[in-house]
């Protein structure tokens, strides 16, 4: 299997990731034992903590990017970002996506958790491969040096590259990551009630709000 995603995979990554979530939770039909029952109820607060960390990381990363770039179906290589979390790792947005999958997987069945987590790792590794190859072709030696210094996905505790001088734009970052925070709200509600509707309603609402915000922003630009 190629390490880099195809153009089709990249352009349709949101649908592919959505299909992975659907598949993972559909496995309750053949494996009805929840992770919380198989391992212990403590996995649900852990899942909420992981989704909180994921939303925070993705928002921190998005503060140094335009939200349209984050969610665009097209590849971008206009500039190299070396501020915020990008000083600690190259792909904070993808790490956040993996953490969301692992966190939400705590609400799935045993097999659903492993399918969701492992599947998300495979998808993100392929997407990272395509993005990094595209940026390397555009940025050349500067990006190769950035790759040498900054870890790909496991963050360094200390900054590995000097700050680039960009200022964080938190308003557009939080607006662009509404859906990420909806996963945390859903997991928090599920921890309290363990009712599936309390998990999925906040997530569905977050995705709807995110979509409407994206459409509104396109109309004003």
N, C-alpha and C. Protein backbone atom coordinates (compact mmCIF):
# COMPACT_ATOMS: atom_id res chain seq x y z
N UNK A 1 0.84 -1.19 0.00
CA UNK A 1 0.00 0.00 0.00
C UNK A 1 0.88 1.24 0.00
N UNK A 2 0.58 2.17 -0.88
CA UNK A 2 1.34 3.41 -0.96
C UNK A 2 1.18 4.21 0.32
N UNK A 3 2.28 4.89 0.73
CA UNK A 3 2.22 5.71 1.93
C UNK A 3 1.48 7.02 1.69
N UNK A 4 1.30 7.38 0.44
CA UNK A 4 0.66 8.65 0.11
C UNK A 4 -0.74 8.42 -0.43
N UNK A 5 -1.69 9.25 0.01
CA UNK A 5 -3.07 9.14 -0.46
C UNK A 5 -3.17 9.57 -1.92
N UNK A 6 -4.15 9.04 -2.58
CA UNK A 6 -4.43 9.46 -3.95
C UNK A 6 -5.16 10.81 -3.92
N UNK A 7 -5.28 11.43 -5.09
CA UNK A 7 -6.02 12.70 -5.17
C UNK A 7 -7.46 12.50 -4.74
N UNK A 8 -8.05 11.36 -5.13
CA UNK A 8 -9.44 11.07 -4.75
C UNK A 8 -9.56 10.99 -3.23
N UNK A 9 -8.64 10.29 -2.57
CA UNK A 9 -8.69 10.16 -1.12
C UNK A 9 -8.58 11.52 -0.45
N UNK A 10 -7.67 12.37 -0.94
CA UNK A 10 -7.49 13.66 -0.29
C UNK A 10 -8.73 14.53 -0.46
N UNK A 11 -9.26 14.61 -1.67
CA UNK A 11 -10.41 15.47 -1.92
C UNK A 11 -11.65 15.00 -1.17
N UNK A 12 -11.73 13.70 -0.94
CA UNK A 12 -12.92 13.14 -0.29
C UNK A 12 -12.62 12.63 1.11
N UNK A 13 -11.61 13.23 1.75
CA UNK A 13 -11.16 12.72 3.05
C UNK A 13 -12.24 12.83 4.12
N UNK A 14 -13.07 13.86 4.08
CA UNK A 14 -14.10 14.00 5.11
C UNK A 14 -15.15 12.90 4.99
N UNK A 15 -15.51 12.53 3.75
CA UNK A 15 -16.47 11.45 3.55
C UNK A 15 -15.86 10.11 3.94
N UNK A 16 -14.59 9.92 3.64
CA UNK A 16 -13.92 8.66 3.99
C UNK A 16 -13.83 8.52 5.51
N UNK A 17 -13.46 9.61 6.18
CA UNK A 17 -13.39 9.56 7.64
C UNK A 17 -14.78 9.35 8.24
N UNK A 18 -15.79 10.01 7.68
CA UNK A 18 -17.16 9.79 8.14
C UNK A 18 -17.59 8.35 7.98
N UNK A 19 -17.22 7.73 6.86
CA UNK A 19 -17.56 6.33 6.62
C UNK A 19 -16.86 5.41 7.63
N UNK A 20 -15.64 5.78 8.02
CA UNK A 20 -14.92 4.99 9.02
C UNK A 20 -15.64 5.04 10.36
N UNK A 21 -16.10 6.23 10.77
CA UNK A 21 -16.86 6.34 12.02
C UNK A 21 -18.13 5.50 11.95
N UNK A 22 -18.83 5.57 10.83
CA UNK A 22 -20.06 4.79 10.66
C UNK A 22 -19.77 3.30 10.78
N UNK A 23 -18.72 2.83 10.10
CA UNK A 23 -18.36 1.41 10.14
C UNK A 23 -18.02 0.98 11.56
N UNK A 24 -17.22 1.79 12.25
CA UNK A 24 -16.78 1.41 13.59
C UNK A 24 -17.97 1.24 14.54
N UNK A 25 -18.91 2.18 14.51
CA UNK A 25 -20.04 2.08 15.43
C UNK A 25 -21.08 1.07 14.96
N UNK A 26 -21.06 0.74 13.66
CA UNK A 26 -21.96 -0.30 13.16
C UNK A 26 -21.55 -1.67 13.68
N UNK A 27 -20.31 -1.81 14.12
CA UNK A 27 -19.84 -3.10 14.61
C UNK A 27 -20.52 -3.53 15.90
N UNK A 28 -21.28 -2.62 16.52
CA UNK A 28 -22.10 -3.04 17.67
C UNK A 28 -23.04 -4.18 17.28
N UNK A 29 -23.38 -4.27 15.99
CA UNK A 29 -24.31 -5.30 15.53
C UNK A 29 -23.72 -6.70 15.68
N UNK A 30 -22.39 -6.82 15.56
CA UNK A 30 -21.76 -8.14 15.67
C UNK A 30 -20.91 -8.27 16.93
N UNK A 31 -20.59 -7.15 17.56
CA UNK A 31 -19.83 -7.16 18.81
C UNK A 31 -20.49 -6.17 19.76
N UNK A 32 -21.52 -6.62 20.49
CA UNK A 32 -22.33 -5.70 21.29
C UNK A 32 -21.71 -5.27 22.61
N UNK A 33 -20.49 -5.72 22.89
CA UNK A 33 -19.87 -5.39 24.19
C UNK A 33 -19.17 -4.04 24.09
N UNK A 34 -19.63 -3.02 24.84
CA UNK A 34 -18.98 -1.70 24.79
C UNK A 34 -17.59 -1.74 25.42
N UNK A 35 -16.74 -0.82 25.00
CA UNK A 35 -15.41 -0.71 25.60
C UNK A 35 -15.51 -0.46 27.10
N UNK A 36 -16.49 0.35 27.51
CA UNK A 36 -16.64 0.68 28.93
C UNK A 36 -16.98 -0.55 29.76
N UNK A 37 -17.64 -1.53 29.14
CA UNK A 37 -17.98 -2.77 29.85
C UNK A 37 -16.81 -3.74 29.81
N UNK A 38 -16.10 -3.78 28.69
CA UNK A 38 -14.99 -4.73 28.54
C UNK A 38 -13.76 -4.32 29.34
N UNK A 39 -13.50 -3.03 29.41
CA UNK A 39 -12.27 -2.55 30.05
C UNK A 39 -12.54 -1.90 31.40
N UNK A 40 -13.60 -1.12 31.47
CA UNK A 40 -13.93 -0.42 32.71
C UNK A 40 -14.54 0.93 32.40
N UNK A 41 -15.38 1.42 33.31
CA UNK A 41 -16.08 2.67 33.07
C UNK A 41 -15.13 3.86 32.96
N UNK A 42 -13.89 3.70 33.45
CA UNK A 42 -12.92 4.80 33.40
C UNK A 42 -12.56 5.19 31.98
N UNK A 43 -12.83 4.31 30.97
CA UNK A 43 -12.45 4.65 29.60
C UNK A 43 -13.28 5.80 29.05
N UNK A 44 -14.49 6.00 29.59
CA UNK A 44 -15.33 7.08 29.07
C UNK A 44 -14.78 8.46 29.46
N UNK A 45 -14.41 8.70 30.73
CA UNK A 45 -13.74 9.98 31.02
C UNK A 45 -12.43 10.14 30.25
N UNK A 46 -11.71 9.04 30.03
CA UNK A 46 -10.49 9.12 29.23
C UNK A 46 -10.83 9.54 27.81
N UNK A 47 -11.91 9.00 27.26
CA UNK A 47 -12.34 9.39 25.92
C UNK A 47 -12.68 10.86 25.85
N UNK A 48 -13.37 11.38 26.87
CA UNK A 48 -13.70 12.81 26.91
C UNK A 48 -12.44 13.65 26.99
N UNK A 49 -11.46 13.19 27.78
CA UNK A 49 -10.19 13.92 27.91
C UNK A 49 -9.44 13.94 26.58
N UNK A 50 -9.46 12.83 25.86
CA UNK A 50 -8.77 12.78 24.57
C UNK A 50 -9.43 13.71 23.55
N UNK A 51 -10.77 13.73 23.54
CA UNK A 51 -11.45 14.62 22.59
C UNK A 51 -11.23 16.08 22.95
N UNK A 52 -11.13 16.38 24.25
CA UNK A 52 -10.82 17.75 24.68
C UNK A 52 -9.42 18.15 24.21
N UNK A 53 -8.46 17.25 24.42
CA UNK A 53 -7.09 17.52 23.97
C UNK A 53 -7.03 17.69 22.46
N UNK A 54 -7.80 16.87 21.74
CA UNK A 54 -7.81 16.94 20.28
C UNK A 54 -8.38 18.27 19.80
N UNK A 55 -9.50 18.69 20.38
CA UNK A 55 -10.11 19.95 19.98
C UNK A 55 -9.20 21.13 20.29
N UNK A 56 -8.55 21.07 21.45
CA UNK A 56 -7.63 22.14 21.81
C UNK A 56 -6.44 22.21 20.88
N UNK A 57 -5.88 21.05 20.54
CA UNK A 57 -4.72 21.01 19.64
C UNK A 57 -5.10 21.49 18.25
N UNK A 58 -6.22 21.02 17.73
CA UNK A 58 -6.65 21.44 16.40
C UNK A 58 -6.94 22.95 16.36
N UNK A 59 -7.54 23.46 17.42
CA UNK A 59 -7.83 24.90 17.46
C UNK A 59 -6.53 25.70 17.53
N UNK A 60 -5.59 25.25 18.32
CA UNK A 60 -4.28 25.90 18.42
C UNK A 60 -3.60 25.94 17.05
N UNK A 61 -3.65 24.81 16.34
CA UNK A 61 -3.05 24.75 15.01
C UNK A 61 -3.80 25.64 14.02
N UNK A 62 -5.13 25.62 14.08
CA UNK A 62 -5.94 26.41 13.14
C UNK A 62 -5.78 27.90 13.37
N UNK A 63 -5.34 28.30 14.56
CA UNK A 63 -5.14 29.72 14.85
C UNK A 63 -4.03 30.32 13.99
N UNK A 64 -3.17 29.48 13.43
CA UNK A 64 -2.07 29.96 12.59
C UNK A 64 -2.31 29.67 11.11
N UNK A 65 -3.50 29.18 10.80
CA UNK A 65 -3.88 28.91 9.41
C UNK A 65 -5.22 29.58 9.14
N UNK A 66 -5.54 29.77 7.88
CA UNK A 66 -6.88 30.20 7.51
C UNK A 66 -7.79 28.98 7.56
N UNK A 67 -8.97 29.11 8.16
CA UNK A 67 -9.88 27.96 8.28
C UNK A 67 -10.25 27.37 6.93
N UNK A 68 -10.25 28.20 5.89
CA UNK A 68 -10.56 27.68 4.56
C UNK A 68 -9.47 26.72 4.08
N UNK A 69 -8.23 26.97 4.48
CA UNK A 69 -7.13 26.07 4.12
C UNK A 69 -7.28 24.74 4.85
N UNK A 70 -7.66 24.81 6.14
CA UNK A 70 -7.81 23.60 6.94
C UNK A 70 -8.82 22.65 6.33
N UNK A 71 -9.95 23.19 5.85
CA UNK A 71 -11.05 22.35 5.39
C UNK A 71 -11.16 22.26 3.87
N UNK A 72 -10.24 22.88 3.17
CA UNK A 72 -10.31 22.87 1.70
C UNK A 72 -10.05 21.48 1.16
N UNK A 73 -10.73 21.15 0.05
CA UNK A 73 -10.52 19.86 -0.61
C UNK A 73 -9.23 19.87 -1.43
N UNK A 74 -8.67 21.04 -1.69
CA UNK A 74 -7.46 21.15 -2.49
C UNK A 74 -6.23 21.23 -1.59
N UNK A 75 -5.10 20.80 -2.12
CA UNK A 75 -3.83 20.89 -1.40
C UNK A 75 -3.33 22.34 -1.45
N UNK A 76 -2.65 22.76 -0.36
CA UNK A 76 -2.08 24.10 -0.32
C UNK A 76 -0.60 24.01 0.05
N UNK A 77 0.22 24.84 -0.58
CA UNK A 77 1.64 24.88 -0.27
C UNK A 77 2.16 26.31 -0.36
N UNK A 78 1.28 27.29 -0.07
CA UNK A 78 1.62 28.69 -0.26
C UNK A 78 2.75 29.15 0.66
N UNK A 79 2.70 28.72 1.92
CA UNK A 79 3.69 29.19 2.88
C UNK A 79 3.94 28.11 3.92
N UNK A 80 5.10 28.18 4.54
CA UNK A 80 5.48 27.24 5.59
C UNK A 80 5.16 27.86 6.94
N UNK A 81 4.34 27.18 7.74
CA UNK A 81 3.96 27.68 9.06
C UNK A 81 4.88 27.05 10.09
N UNK A 82 5.52 27.89 10.91
CA UNK A 82 6.43 27.40 11.95
C UNK A 82 6.14 28.12 13.27
N UNK A 83 4.88 28.22 13.60
CA UNK A 83 4.46 28.85 14.85
C UNK A 83 3.48 27.95 15.58
N UNK A 84 3.22 28.29 16.85
CA UNK A 84 2.27 27.50 17.63
C UNK A 84 2.70 26.04 17.72
N UNK A 85 1.78 25.11 17.53
CA UNK A 85 2.14 23.69 17.64
C UNK A 85 3.09 23.21 16.54
N UNK A 86 3.16 23.97 15.45
CA UNK A 86 4.03 23.57 14.35
C UNK A 86 5.51 23.66 14.74
N UNK A 87 5.81 24.29 15.85
CA UNK A 87 7.18 24.29 16.35
C UNK A 87 7.52 22.98 17.04
N UNK A 88 6.48 22.20 17.36
CA UNK A 88 6.68 20.94 18.09
C UNK A 88 6.47 19.70 17.22
N UNK A 89 5.69 19.83 16.18
CA UNK A 89 5.44 18.72 15.25
C UNK A 89 4.89 19.27 13.95
N UNK A 90 5.00 18.47 12.90
CA UNK A 90 4.62 18.96 11.57
C UNK A 90 3.13 18.86 11.30
N UNK A 91 2.44 17.94 11.94
CA UNK A 91 1.06 17.65 11.58
C UNK A 91 0.12 17.66 12.78
N UNK A 92 -0.01 18.79 13.48
CA UNK A 92 -0.88 18.81 14.66
C UNK A 92 -2.35 18.58 14.34
N UNK A 93 -2.81 19.00 13.17
CA UNK A 93 -4.21 18.79 12.83
C UNK A 93 -4.52 17.30 12.69
N UNK A 94 -3.60 16.57 12.07
CA UNK A 94 -3.82 15.13 11.90
C UNK A 94 -3.68 14.40 13.23
N UNK A 95 -2.78 14.84 14.09
CA UNK A 95 -2.71 14.23 15.42
C UNK A 95 -4.02 14.46 16.15
N UNK A 96 -4.58 15.64 16.04
CA UNK A 96 -5.87 15.91 16.66
C UNK A 96 -6.96 14.99 16.14
N UNK A 97 -6.94 14.71 14.84
CA UNK A 97 -7.93 13.82 14.25
C UNK A 97 -7.80 12.41 14.81
N UNK A 98 -6.55 11.94 14.98
CA UNK A 98 -6.34 10.61 15.56
C UNK A 98 -6.83 10.57 17.01
N UNK A 99 -6.57 11.63 17.76
CA UNK A 99 -7.02 11.68 19.15
C UNK A 99 -8.55 11.70 19.25
N UNK A 100 -9.21 12.38 18.31
CA UNK A 100 -10.67 12.37 18.29
C UNK A 100 -11.17 10.94 18.07
N UNK A 101 -10.55 10.24 17.12
CA UNK A 101 -10.97 8.86 16.83
C UNK A 101 -10.77 7.97 18.05
N UNK A 102 -9.62 8.08 18.70
CA UNK A 102 -9.35 7.25 19.88
C UNK A 102 -10.30 7.60 21.01
N UNK A 103 -10.57 8.91 21.19
CA UNK A 103 -11.48 9.32 22.25
C UNK A 103 -12.90 8.86 22.03
N UNK A 104 -13.40 9.09 20.82
CA UNK A 104 -14.77 8.68 20.52
C UNK A 104 -14.88 7.16 20.49
N UNK A 105 -13.78 6.50 20.14
CA UNK A 105 -13.78 5.04 20.13
C UNK A 105 -14.07 4.43 21.47
N UNK A 106 -13.84 5.19 22.56
CA UNK A 106 -14.15 4.68 23.89
C UNK A 106 -15.65 4.46 24.08
N UNK A 107 -16.46 5.09 23.22
CA UNK A 107 -17.91 4.90 23.29
C UNK A 107 -18.38 3.79 22.36
N UNK A 108 -17.46 3.21 21.60
CA UNK A 108 -17.80 2.15 20.65
C UNK A 108 -17.68 0.78 21.32
N UNK A 109 -17.92 -0.25 20.53
CA UNK A 109 -17.69 -1.61 21.02
C UNK A 109 -16.20 -1.90 21.01
N UNK A 110 -15.82 -3.08 21.50
CA UNK A 110 -14.40 -3.44 21.53
C UNK A 110 -13.80 -3.41 20.14
N UNK A 111 -14.44 -4.09 19.19
CA UNK A 111 -13.92 -4.13 17.83
C UNK A 111 -14.04 -2.76 17.17
N UNK A 112 -15.11 -2.03 17.49
CA UNK A 112 -15.30 -0.70 16.91
C UNK A 112 -14.17 0.23 17.29
N UNK A 113 -13.72 0.15 18.55
CA UNK A 113 -12.61 1.00 19.00
C UNK A 113 -11.36 0.74 18.16
N UNK A 114 -11.02 -0.51 17.97
CA UNK A 114 -9.78 -0.83 17.25
C UNK A 114 -9.90 -0.50 15.77
N UNK A 115 -11.06 -0.74 15.19
CA UNK A 115 -11.26 -0.39 13.77
C UNK A 115 -11.15 1.12 13.58
N UNK A 116 -11.78 1.88 14.48
CA UNK A 116 -11.78 3.33 14.35
C UNK A 116 -10.37 3.90 14.55
N UNK A 117 -9.69 3.45 15.59
CA UNK A 117 -8.37 4.01 15.90
C UNK A 117 -7.34 3.60 14.85
N UNK A 118 -7.28 2.30 14.54
CA UNK A 118 -6.29 1.83 13.56
C UNK A 118 -6.61 2.39 12.17
N UNK A 119 -7.89 2.41 11.82
CA UNK A 119 -8.28 2.93 10.52
C UNK A 119 -7.93 4.40 10.37
N UNK A 120 -8.12 5.18 11.44
CA UNK A 120 -7.79 6.60 11.37
C UNK A 120 -6.29 6.81 11.23
N UNK A 121 -5.51 5.99 11.90
CA UNK A 121 -4.05 6.11 11.76
C UNK A 121 -3.63 5.85 10.32
N UNK A 122 -4.19 4.81 9.70
CA UNK A 122 -3.86 4.49 8.30
C UNK A 122 -4.25 5.65 7.39
N UNK A 123 -5.47 6.16 7.56
CA UNK A 123 -5.95 7.26 6.71
C UNK A 123 -5.07 8.49 6.86
N UNK A 124 -4.77 8.87 8.10
CA UNK A 124 -4.00 10.10 8.31
C UNK A 124 -2.56 9.95 7.83
N UNK A 125 -1.97 8.77 7.98
CA UNK A 125 -0.61 8.57 7.48
C UNK A 125 -0.57 8.75 5.96
N UNK A 126 -1.58 8.22 5.29
CA UNK A 126 -1.64 8.38 3.84
C UNK A 126 -1.87 9.84 3.44
N UNK A 127 -2.75 10.54 4.16
CA UNK A 127 -2.99 11.95 3.87
C UNK A 127 -1.74 12.80 4.14
N UNK A 128 -1.06 12.51 5.24
CA UNK A 128 0.17 13.23 5.54
C UNK A 128 1.21 13.02 4.44
N UNK A 129 1.30 11.78 3.95
CA UNK A 129 2.26 11.49 2.90
C UNK A 129 2.02 12.32 1.66
N UNK A 130 0.75 12.48 1.29
CA UNK A 130 0.45 13.28 0.10
C UNK A 130 0.73 14.76 0.34
N UNK A 131 0.29 15.28 1.49
CA UNK A 131 0.51 16.69 1.78
C UNK A 131 2.00 17.02 1.84
N UNK A 132 2.76 16.19 2.53
CA UNK A 132 4.18 16.49 2.70
C UNK A 132 4.94 16.43 1.39
N UNK A 133 4.57 15.48 0.53
CA UNK A 133 5.22 15.41 -0.78
C UNK A 133 4.91 16.65 -1.61
N UNK A 134 3.66 17.13 -1.51
CA UNK A 134 3.25 18.31 -2.26
C UNK A 134 3.98 19.56 -1.76
N UNK A 135 4.06 19.70 -0.44
CA UNK A 135 4.73 20.88 0.12
C UNK A 135 6.23 20.83 -0.17
N UNK A 136 6.84 19.64 -0.06
CA UNK A 136 8.27 19.51 -0.33
C UNK A 136 8.59 19.91 -1.76
N UNK A 137 7.72 19.54 -2.70
CA UNK A 137 7.95 19.89 -4.11
C UNK A 137 7.86 21.40 -4.31
N UNK A 138 7.01 22.08 -3.52
CA UNK A 138 6.84 23.52 -3.68
C UNK A 138 7.85 24.33 -2.88
N UNK A 139 8.18 23.86 -1.67
CA UNK A 139 9.02 24.65 -0.77
C UNK A 139 10.50 24.27 -0.83
N UNK A 140 10.80 23.06 -1.31
CA UNK A 140 12.18 22.66 -1.50
C UNK A 140 12.96 22.48 -0.21
N UNK A 141 14.18 23.03 -0.18
CA UNK A 141 15.12 22.78 0.91
C UNK A 141 14.59 23.29 2.25
N UNK A 142 13.86 24.40 2.24
CA UNK A 142 13.33 24.94 3.49
C UNK A 142 12.41 23.96 4.19
N UNK A 143 11.54 23.31 3.43
CA UNK A 143 10.62 22.34 4.03
C UNK A 143 11.35 21.07 4.44
N UNK A 144 12.34 20.65 3.66
CA UNK A 144 13.10 19.46 4.04
C UNK A 144 13.84 19.68 5.36
N UNK A 145 14.33 20.89 5.58
CA UNK A 145 14.97 21.20 6.86
C UNK A 145 13.95 21.21 7.99
N UNK A 146 12.76 21.74 7.71
CA UNK A 146 11.68 21.71 8.70
C UNK A 146 11.34 20.27 9.06
N UNK A 147 11.28 19.39 8.09
CA UNK A 147 10.99 17.98 8.33
C UNK A 147 12.09 17.32 9.15
N UNK A 148 13.32 17.74 8.93
CA UNK A 148 14.44 17.17 9.68
C UNK A 148 14.36 17.56 11.16
N UNK A 149 13.90 18.78 11.42
CA UNK A 149 13.88 19.28 12.79
C UNK A 149 12.61 18.89 13.55
N UNK A 150 11.46 19.00 12.90
CA UNK A 150 10.17 18.79 13.59
C UNK A 150 9.66 17.38 13.39
N UNK A 151 9.29 16.68 14.46
CA UNK A 151 8.72 15.33 14.32
C UNK A 151 7.45 15.35 13.48
N UNK A 152 7.17 14.23 12.84
CA UNK A 152 6.02 14.17 11.95
C UNK A 152 4.70 14.19 12.70
N UNK A 153 4.55 13.36 13.72
CA UNK A 153 3.25 13.21 14.37
C UNK A 153 3.34 13.12 15.89
N UNK A 154 4.47 12.67 16.43
CA UNK A 154 4.65 12.59 17.88
C UNK A 154 5.33 13.88 18.33
N UNK A 155 4.66 14.74 19.09
CA UNK A 155 5.20 16.07 19.38
C UNK A 155 6.42 16.04 20.28
N UNK A 156 7.31 16.97 20.04
CA UNK A 156 8.45 17.20 20.92
C UNK A 156 8.00 18.13 22.05
N UNK A 157 8.46 17.87 23.26
CA UNK A 157 8.09 18.72 24.39
C UNK A 157 8.67 20.12 24.24
N UNK A 158 9.83 20.21 23.63
CA UNK A 158 10.47 21.51 23.41
C UNK A 158 10.29 21.93 21.95
N UNK A 159 10.17 23.22 21.69
CA UNK A 159 10.08 23.67 20.29
C UNK A 159 11.32 23.24 19.53
N UNK A 160 11.12 22.76 18.32
CA UNK A 160 12.23 22.28 17.51
C UNK A 160 12.64 23.26 16.43
N UNK A 161 11.80 24.25 16.16
CA UNK A 161 12.11 25.25 15.13
C UNK A 161 11.85 26.64 15.70
N UNK A 162 12.56 27.66 15.24
CA UNK A 162 12.32 29.02 15.71
C UNK A 162 10.95 29.53 15.26
N UNK A 163 10.39 30.41 16.05
CA UNK A 163 9.07 30.98 15.72
C UNK A 163 9.14 31.79 14.44
N UNK A 164 8.08 31.71 13.66
CA UNK A 164 8.04 32.42 12.39
C UNK A 164 7.45 33.81 12.48
N UNK A 165 6.88 34.17 13.63
CA UNK A 165 6.36 35.52 13.82
C UNK A 165 4.89 35.70 13.50
N UNK A 166 4.17 34.62 13.17
CA UNK A 166 2.74 34.75 12.91
C UNK A 166 1.99 34.95 14.22
N UNK A 167 0.92 35.70 14.17
CA UNK A 167 0.06 35.90 15.34
C UNK A 167 -1.15 34.98 15.25
N UNK A 168 -1.50 34.42 16.39
CA UNK A 168 -2.66 33.52 16.44
C UNK A 168 -3.94 34.30 16.21
N UNK A 169 -4.87 33.72 15.44
CA UNK A 169 -6.19 34.31 15.21
C UNK A 169 -7.21 33.35 15.80
N UNK A 170 -7.52 33.56 17.07
CA UNK A 170 -8.31 32.59 17.81
C UNK A 170 -9.78 32.58 17.40
N UNK A 171 -10.32 33.71 17.02
CA UNK A 171 -11.73 33.75 16.64
C UNK A 171 -12.04 32.84 15.48
N UNK A 172 -11.30 33.00 14.38
CA UNK A 172 -11.55 32.15 13.22
C UNK A 172 -11.16 30.70 13.49
N UNK A 173 -10.20 30.49 14.43
CA UNK A 173 -9.79 29.13 14.76
C UNK A 173 -10.91 28.38 15.47
N UNK A 174 -11.51 29.01 16.48
CA UNK A 174 -12.62 28.36 17.20
C UNK A 174 -13.82 28.16 16.28
N UNK A 175 -14.10 29.15 15.44
CA UNK A 175 -15.21 29.02 14.50
C UNK A 175 -14.96 27.88 13.52
N UNK A 176 -13.73 27.73 13.09
CA UNK A 176 -13.39 26.68 12.13
C UNK A 176 -13.31 25.30 12.73
N UNK A 177 -13.25 25.22 14.07
CA UNK A 177 -13.15 23.92 14.74
C UNK A 177 -14.36 23.62 15.62
N UNK A 178 -15.50 24.20 15.28
CA UNK A 178 -16.72 23.91 16.04
C UNK A 178 -16.99 22.41 16.08
N UNK A 179 -16.78 21.75 14.96
CA UNK A 179 -17.08 20.31 14.92
C UNK A 179 -16.16 19.54 15.86
N UNK A 180 -14.89 19.98 16.01
CA UNK A 180 -13.98 19.30 16.93
C UNK A 180 -14.49 19.40 18.36
N UNK A 181 -14.95 20.58 18.75
CA UNK A 181 -15.46 20.76 20.11
C UNK A 181 -16.77 20.01 20.31
N UNK A 182 -17.52 19.77 19.23
CA UNK A 182 -18.77 19.03 19.37
C UNK A 182 -18.51 17.57 19.76
N UNK A 183 -17.37 17.03 19.33
CA UNK A 183 -17.01 15.67 19.76
C UNK A 183 -16.77 15.63 21.27
N UNK A 184 -16.11 16.65 21.79
CA UNK A 184 -15.88 16.72 23.23
C UNK A 184 -17.20 16.85 23.98
N UNK A 185 -18.08 17.72 23.52
CA UNK A 185 -19.38 17.91 24.19
C UNK A 185 -20.17 16.60 24.15
N UNK A 186 -20.14 15.91 23.00
CA UNK A 186 -20.84 14.63 22.89
C UNK A 186 -20.30 13.59 23.85
N UNK A 187 -18.97 13.49 23.94
CA UNK A 187 -18.37 12.51 24.85
C UNK A 187 -18.66 12.87 26.30
N UNK A 188 -18.66 14.17 26.61
CA UNK A 188 -18.95 14.61 27.98
C UNK A 188 -20.38 14.21 28.36
N UNK A 189 -21.31 14.42 27.43
CA UNK A 189 -22.71 14.04 27.69
C UNK A 189 -22.84 12.53 27.82
N UNK A 190 -22.14 11.80 26.97
CA UNK A 190 -22.22 10.34 27.01
C UNK A 190 -21.64 9.79 28.31
N UNK A 191 -20.61 10.44 28.84
CA UNK A 191 -20.05 10.03 30.13
C UNK A 191 -21.10 10.10 31.23
N UNK A 192 -21.95 11.12 31.14
CA UNK A 192 -22.95 11.34 32.18
C UNK A 192 -24.14 10.39 32.07
N UNK A 193 -24.54 10.04 30.85
CA UNK A 193 -25.78 9.29 30.66
C UNK A 193 -25.61 7.92 30.01
N UNK A 194 -24.55 7.77 29.20
CA UNK A 194 -24.31 6.57 28.39
C UNK A 194 -25.47 6.28 27.44
N UNK A 195 -26.16 7.34 27.05
CA UNK A 195 -27.22 7.22 26.04
C UNK A 195 -26.67 7.63 24.68
N UNK A 196 -26.81 6.79 23.65
CA UNK A 196 -26.24 7.11 22.33
C UNK A 196 -26.68 8.46 21.78
N UNK A 197 -27.96 8.83 22.00
CA UNK A 197 -28.44 10.12 21.48
C UNK A 197 -27.66 11.29 22.07
N UNK A 198 -27.25 11.15 23.34
CA UNK A 198 -26.51 12.23 23.99
C UNK A 198 -25.10 12.35 23.43
N UNK A 199 -24.63 11.30 22.79
CA UNK A 199 -23.33 11.36 22.11
C UNK A 199 -23.47 12.00 20.74
N UNK A 200 -24.47 11.54 19.97
CA UNK A 200 -24.54 11.91 18.56
C UNK A 200 -25.24 13.23 18.29
N UNK A 201 -26.18 13.64 19.13
CA UNK A 201 -26.89 14.90 18.88
C UNK A 201 -25.94 16.11 18.92
N UNK A 202 -25.07 16.24 19.94
CA UNK A 202 -24.13 17.37 19.90
C UNK A 202 -23.19 17.33 18.70
N UNK A 203 -22.78 16.13 18.31
CA UNK A 203 -21.87 16.01 17.16
C UNK A 203 -22.59 16.42 15.88
N UNK A 204 -23.82 15.94 15.70
CA UNK A 204 -24.60 16.31 14.52
C UNK A 204 -24.85 17.81 14.49
N UNK A 205 -25.15 18.39 15.65
CA UNK A 205 -25.38 19.84 15.72
C UNK A 205 -24.11 20.60 15.37
N UNK A 206 -22.97 20.12 15.86
CA UNK A 206 -21.70 20.77 15.57
C UNK A 206 -21.36 20.73 14.10
N UNK A 207 -21.59 19.59 13.47
CA UNK A 207 -21.32 19.47 12.04
C UNK A 207 -22.25 20.37 11.23
N UNK A 208 -23.51 20.46 11.66
CA UNK A 208 -24.45 21.34 10.96
C UNK A 208 -24.04 22.80 11.08
N UNK A 209 -23.70 23.21 12.30
CA UNK A 209 -23.26 24.60 12.51
C UNK A 209 -22.00 24.89 11.71
N UNK A 210 -21.08 23.92 11.71
CA UNK A 210 -19.83 24.09 10.95
C UNK A 210 -20.12 24.28 9.47
N UNK A 211 -21.03 23.46 8.94
CA UNK A 211 -21.38 23.56 7.53
C UNK A 211 -22.03 24.89 7.19
N UNK A 212 -22.94 25.34 8.04
CA UNK A 212 -23.62 26.62 7.80
C UNK A 212 -22.63 27.78 7.90
N UNK A 213 -21.72 27.71 8.86
CA UNK A 213 -20.70 28.76 9.00
C UNK A 213 -19.81 28.81 7.76
N UNK A 214 -19.43 27.62 7.27
CA UNK A 214 -18.60 27.58 6.07
C UNK A 214 -19.31 28.19 4.85
N UNK A 215 -20.61 27.89 4.71
CA UNK A 215 -21.36 28.45 3.59
C UNK A 215 -21.49 29.97 3.73
N UNK A 216 -21.74 30.43 4.95
CA UNK A 216 -21.86 31.87 5.18
C UNK A 216 -20.56 32.58 4.88
N UNK A 217 -19.46 31.96 5.25
CA UNK A 217 -18.16 32.59 5.00
C UNK A 217 -17.85 32.68 3.52
N UNK A 218 -18.23 31.62 2.77
CA UNK A 218 -17.99 31.64 1.33
C UNK A 218 -18.80 32.76 0.64
N UNK A 219 -20.00 33.01 1.14
CA UNK A 219 -20.85 34.05 0.53
C UNK A 219 -20.32 35.45 0.80
N UNK A 220 -19.54 35.60 1.87
CA UNK A 220 -19.03 36.93 2.22
C UNK A 220 -17.64 37.18 1.65
N UNK A 221 -17.05 36.18 0.99
CA UNK A 221 -15.71 36.36 0.41
C UNK A 221 -15.78 36.39 -1.11
